Amino acid sequence: MYEFIRDLWGFLKHRRKFWLAPIILTLLLFGALIVLTEGSAIAPFIYTLF
């Protein structure tokens, strides 16, 4: 896992694609939010965001 993150950061740094970092971070946060609220009572409210 750490090697993937290191490779991803190396790609972003080498190709000067730093604008991709906030997009990747946002997608990871939304993914974590969906996984963590999967079985809770607030899940229907989370899914209305999409």
Protein backbone atom coordinates (compact mmCIF):
# COMPACT_ATOMS: atom_id res chain seq x y z
CA MET A 1 0.00 0.00 0.00
CA TYR A 2 2.75 2.41 0.90
CA GLU A 3 4.58 1.60 -2.31
CA PHE A 4 1.48 2.53 -4.32
CA ILE A 5 1.21 5.87 -2.53
CA ARG A 6 4.90 6.51 -3.07
CA ASP A 7 4.60 5.66 -6.77
CA LEU A 8 1.52 7.85 -7.13
CA TRP A 9 3.29 10.78 -5.48
CA GLY A 10 6.33 10.20 -7.70
CA PHE A 11 4.08 10.28 -10.78
CA LEU A 12 2.38 13.49 -9.65
CA LYS A 13 5.72 15.10 -8.89
CA HIS A 14 7.49 13.97 -12.05
CA ARG A 15 4.66 14.86 -14.44
CA ARG A 16 3.80 18.08 -12.57
CA LYS A 17 0.18 16.97 -12.13
CA PHE A 18 -0.35 18.37 -8.64
CA TRP A 19 -3.88 19.39 -9.58
CA LEU A 20 -4.85 15.70 -9.44
CA ALA A 21 -4.09 15.45 -5.71
CA PRO A 22 -7.28 17.23 -4.49
CA ILE A 23 -9.41 15.13 -6.86
CA ILE A 24 -7.89 11.89 -5.59
CA LEU A 25 -8.26 13.01 -1.98
CA THR A 26 -11.91 13.97 -2.50
CA LEU A 27 -12.69 10.61 -4.12
CA LEU A 28 -11.01 8.78 -1.24
CA LEU A 29 -12.98 10.78 1.34
CA PHE A 30 -16.30 10.13 -0.42
CA GLY A 31 -15.46 6.44 -0.70
CA ALA A 32 -14.63 6.24 3.00
CA LEU A 33 -17.84 8.11 3.86
CA ILE A 34 -19.94 5.64 1.87
CA VAL A 35 -18.22 2.60 3.38
CA LEU A 36 -18.45 3.88 6.95
CA THR A 37 -22.13 4.87 6.75
CA GLU A 38 -23.25 1.78 4.85
CA GLY A 39 -25.24 0.23 7.68
CA SER A 40 -26.28 3.33 9.58
CA ALA A 41 -29.50 5.32 9.68
CA ILE A 42 -27.94 8.31 7.90
CA ALA A 43 -27.04 6.28 4.78
CA PRO A 44 -30.12 7.43 2.80
CA PHE A 45 -29.13 11.05 3.38
CA ILE A 46 -25.57 10.41 2.21
CA TYR A 47 -26.74 8.77 -1.02
CA THR A 48 -28.89 11.80 -1.89
CA LEU A 49 -25.66 13.77 -2.34
CA PHE A 50 -24.99 11.78 -5.47
